[in-house]
C-alpha atoms as a PDB file:
ATOM      1  CA  UNK A   1      49.678  69.784  -1.338  1.00  0.00           C
ATOM      2  CA  UNK A   2      49.882  66.127  -0.533  1.00  0.00           C
ATOM      3  CA  UNK A   3      52.494  65.399  -3.183  1.00  0.00           C
ATOM      4  CA  UNK A   4      54.701  68.350  -1.961  1.00  0.00           C
ATOM      5  CA  UNK A   5      54.427  67.127   1.852  1.00  0.00           C
ATOM      6  CA  UNK A   6      55.353  63.493   0.505  1.00  0.00           C
ATOM      7  CA  UNK A   7      58.248  64.626  -1.238  1.00  0.00           C
ATOM      8  CA  UNK A   8      59.457  66.604   1.645  1.00  0.00           C
ATOM      9  CA  UNK A   9      59.061  63.664   4.058  1.00  0.00           C
ATOM     10  CA  UNK A  10      61.066  61.515   1.563  1.00  0.00           C
ATOM     11  CA  UNK A  11      63.786  63.863   1.270  1.00  0.00           C
ATOM     12  CA  UNK A  12      63.953  64.409   5.141  1.00  0.00           C
ATOM     13  CA  UNK A  13      64.020  60.508   5.475  1.00  0.00           C
ATOM     14  CA  UNK A  14      66.991  60.336   3.112  1.00  0.00           C
ATOM     15  CA  UNK A  15      68.798  63.006   5.212  1.00  0.00           C
ATOM     16  CA  UNK A  16      68.178  61.126   8.448  1.00  0.00           C
ATOM     17  CA  UNK A  17      69.570  58.118   6.936  1.00  0.00           C
ATOM     18  CA  UNK A  18      72.707  59.873   6.030  1.00  0.00           C
ATOM     19  CA  UNK A  19      72.947  61.084   9.695  1.00  0.00           C
ATOM     20  CA  UNK A  20      72.154  57.382  10.750  1.00  0.00           C
ATOM     21  CA  UNK A  21      75.216  56.315   8.754  1.00  0.00           C
ATOM     22  CA  UNK A  22      77.439  58.847  10.010  1.00  0.00           C
ATOM     23  CA  UNK A  23      76.402  58.087  13.802  1.00  0.00           C
ATOM     24  CA  UNK A  24      77.171  54.363  13.236  1.00  0.00           C
ATOM     25  CA  UNK A  25      80.347  54.926  11.665  1.00  0.00           C
ATOM     26  CA  UNK A  26      81.346  56.986  15.022  1.00  0.00           C
ATOM     27  CA  UNK A  27      81.174  53.678  17.004  1.00  0.00           C
ATOM     28  CA  UNK A  28      83.662  51.761  14.722  1.00  0.00           C
ATOM     29  CA  UNK A  29      86.938  53.456  16.222  1.00  0.00           C
ATOM     30  CA  UNK A  30      85.705  52.913  19.680  1.00  0.00           C
ATOM     31  CA  UNK A  31      84.971  49.176  19.325  1.00  0.00           C
ATOM     32  CA  UNK A  32      86.857  46.771  21.564  1.00  0.00           C
ATOM     33  CA  UNK A  33      88.291  49.590  23.684  1.00  0.00           C
ATOM     34  CA  UNK A  34      87.339  51.191  27.095  1.00  0.00           C
ATOM     35  CA  UNK A  35      84.352  52.922  25.734  1.00  0.00           C
ATOM     36  CA  UNK A  36      81.805  49.934  25.533  1.00  0.00           C
ATOM     37  CA  UNK A  37      79.127  52.129  27.232  1.00  0.00           C
ATOM     38  CA  UNK A  38      79.668  54.897  24.563  1.00  0.00           C
ATOM     39  CA  UNK A  39      79.535  52.503  21.726  1.00  0.00           C
ATOM     40  CA  UNK A  40      76.069  51.189  23.267  1.00  0.00           C
ATOM     41  CA  UNK A  41      74.572  54.430  23.432  1.00  0.00           C
ATOM     42  CA  UNK A  42      75.770  55.405  19.809  1.00  0.00           C
ATOM     43  CA  UNK A  43      74.058  52.199  18.460  1.00  0.00           C
ATOM     44  CA  UNK A  44      71.053  53.139  20.477  1.00  0.00           C
ATOM     45  CA  UNK A  45      71.005  56.530  18.873  1.00  0.00           C
ATOM     46  CA  UNK A  46      71.569  54.802  15.560  1.00  0.00           C
ATOM     47  CA  UNK A  47      68.587  52.420  16.093  1.00  0.00           C
ATOM     48  CA  UNK A  48      66.210  55.698  16.905  1.00  0.00           C
ATOM     49  CA  UNK A  49      67.432  57.348  13.783  1.00  0.00           C
ATOM     50  CA  UNK A  50      66.578  54.276  11.583  1.00  0.00           C
ATOM     51  CA  UNK A  51      63.016  54.282  13.361  1.00  0.00           C
ATOM     52  CA  UNK A  52      62.687  57.766  12.350  1.00  0.00           C
ATOM     53  CA  UNK A  53      63.661  57.055   8.624  1.00  0.00           C
ATOM     54  CA  UNK A  54      61.086  54.237   8.640  1.00  0.00           C
ATOM     55  CA  UNK A  55      58.311  56.579  10.148  1.00  0.00           C
ATOM     56  CA  UNK A  56      59.003  59.356   7.864  1.00  0.00           C
ATOM     57  CA  UNK A  57      58.865  57.039   4.747  1.00  0.00           C
ATOM     58  CA  UNK A  58      55.633  55.476   6.203  1.00  0.00           C
ATOM     59  CA  UNK A  59      54.060  58.923   6.422  1.00  0.00           C
ATOM     60  CA  UNK A  60      55.222  59.749   2.954  1.00  0.00           C
ATOM     61  CA  UNK A  61      53.526  56.578   1.528  1.00  0.00           C
ATOM     62  CA  UNK A  62      50.379  57.344   3.508  1.00  0.00           C
ATOM     63  CA  UNK A  63      50.125  60.624   1.844  1.00  0.00           C
ATOM     64  CA  UNK A  64      50.467  59.212  -1.433  1.00  0.00           C
ATOM     65  CA  UNK A  65      47.325  56.906  -1.138  1.00  0.00           C
END
């Protein structure tokens, strides 16, 4: 059961990382324009997704112990 859960957590972390990359890419066209507030919020969301990815990876590693 633990190995299955660990594998599922790893896959989920990979998906979260892909979404994080997509979210970060959305900020690029808005840089230097009138939407600095939007860019700041997008980067905040990107950081939250990075944190979620790391936590999922940590949970997977803890199950493998």
